[in-house]
Amino acid sequence: MPSCGDLEDIESLCRSLREPVPEHGESVDSLLQLLFEDWIPRSFGTPGPGYLAYIPGGGVFPAALADFISATTNRYTGIWQAAPALVQLGSQCPGLVA
């Protein structure tokens, strides 16, 4: 995938995502289809060789796992002092910690 996604008419797409909280649920399949076929391709692709800026972890499994642990435990892992053991865990995977 290219490092920079298609941003043509991105403002219209972003405006279309603003909506009130839905009254009823929607199938996960339809949401995932939008996510993977329209929204993700319109963003930066950081794990590829064409992306040269520093983004820790960018789309690799260990980074996703570290983000999952961080998000589900609600701990700030951006600096060592806030969660030393969790930051150390992340540093065992190259590219996860600055």
Protein backbone atom coordinates (compact mmCIF):
# COMPACT_ATOMS: atom_id res chain seq x y z
CA MET A 1 0.00 0.00 0.00
CA PRO A 2 1.20 3.54 -0.60
CA SER A 3 2.41 5.54 2.39
CA CYS A 4 -0.17 8.28 1.76
CA GLY A 5 -3.76 7.35 1.13
CA ASP A 6 -6.28 9.01 -1.17
CA LEU A 7 -7.27 12.30 0.47
CA GLU A 8 -9.44 13.59 -2.38
CA ASP A 9 -12.64 15.16 -0.98
CA ILE A 10 -11.64 14.05 2.54
CA GLU A 11 -13.49 16.99 4.11
CA SER A 12 -16.80 15.68 2.78
CA LEU A 13 -16.06 12.21 4.13
CA CYS A 14 -15.23 13.62 7.57
CA ARG A 15 -18.42 15.72 7.63
CA SER A 16 -20.46 12.65 6.70
CA LEU A 17 -19.18 10.85 9.81
CA ARG A 18 -20.80 13.40 12.13
CA GLU A 19 -24.13 12.03 13.22
CA PRO A 20 -26.18 11.63 16.39
CA VAL A 21 -25.90 8.50 18.50
CA PRO A 22 -27.83 5.77 16.68
CA GLU A 23 -31.13 4.55 18.09
CA HIS A 24 -30.43 0.97 16.98
CA GLY A 25 -27.35 -1.15 16.44
CA GLU A 26 -25.80 -1.98 13.11
CA SER A 27 -24.02 -5.10 11.92
CA VAL A 28 -20.29 -5.24 12.61
CA ASP A 29 -19.70 -6.43 9.04
CA SER A 30 -21.04 -3.21 7.52
CA LEU A 31 -18.95 -1.08 9.89
CA LEU A 32 -15.80 -3.09 9.22
CA GLN A 33 -16.40 -2.85 5.49
CA LEU A 34 -16.47 0.95 5.72
CA LEU A 35 -13.41 0.91 7.94
CA PHE A 36 -11.24 -1.28 5.71
CA GLU A 37 -12.52 -0.28 2.27
CA ASP A 38 -12.95 3.47 2.68
CA TRP A 39 -11.55 5.00 5.87
CA ILE A 40 -8.22 3.16 6.33
CA PRO A 41 -7.15 3.61 2.67
CA ARG A 42 -7.60 7.38 3.19
CA SER A 43 -4.90 7.59 5.84
CA PHE A 44 -1.12 7.28 6.19
CA GLY A 45 0.30 3.77 5.85
CA THR A 46 3.14 3.82 8.36
CA PRO A 47 4.53 0.23 8.21
CA GLY A 48 5.55 0.39 4.54
CA PRO A 49 8.96 1.32 3.13
CA GLY A 50 7.66 4.58 1.64
CA TYR A 51 6.88 6.15 5.03
CA LEU A 52 9.99 7.78 6.49
CA ALA A 53 8.69 9.75 9.51
CA TYR A 54 8.93 8.26 13.02
CA ILE A 55 5.71 6.64 14.20
CA PRO A 56 6.24 4.08 16.98
CA GLY A 57 4.93 0.66 16.13
CA GLY A 58 2.96 1.54 13.00
CA GLY A 59 0.76 -1.43 12.13
CA VAL A 60 2.81 -4.39 13.34
CA PHE A 61 1.33 -7.08 15.60
CA PRO A 62 3.46 -6.37 18.72
CA ALA A 63 2.49 -2.69 18.52
CA ALA A 64 -1.19 -3.59 18.18
CA LEU A 65 -0.94 -5.87 21.19
CA ALA A 66 0.81 -3.16 23.23
CA ASP A 67 -1.86 -0.62 22.22
CA PHE A 68 -4.58 -3.11 23.17
CA ILE A 69 -3.07 -3.61 26.63
CA SER A 70 -2.68 0.13 27.10
CA ALA A 71 -6.22 0.91 25.95
CA THR A 72 -7.95 -1.82 27.93
CA THR A 73 -6.11 -1.12 31.17
CA ASN A 74 -6.44 2.66 30.79
CA ARG A 75 -2.81 3.34 31.67
CA TYR A 76 -0.71 6.08 30.14
CA THR A 77 2.29 4.43 28.55
CA GLY A 78 3.73 7.44 26.78
CA ILE A 79 6.40 8.03 29.44
CA TRP A 80 8.28 5.64 31.72
CA GLN A 81 7.37 7.37 35.00
CA ALA A 82 3.63 6.89 34.44
CA ALA A 83 3.75 3.11 33.94
CA PRO A 84 7.33 1.81 34.23
CA ALA A 85 6.63 -1.91 33.87
CA LEU A 86 4.25 -1.44 30.94
CA VAL A 87 6.70 0.84 29.12
CA GLN A 88 9.45 -1.71 29.71
CA LEU A 89 7.21 -4.44 28.31
CA GLY A 90 6.70 -2.32 25.19
CA SER A 91 10.42 -1.63 24.85
CA GLN A 92 11.06 -5.35 24.42
CA CYS A 93 9.50 -4.97 20.95
CA PRO A 94 11.68 -2.68 18.79
CA GLY A 95 9.88 0.42 17.62
CA LEU A 96 7.24 0.52 20.36
CA VAL A 97 8.82 3.07 22.69
CA ALA A 98 10.61 6.25 21.78
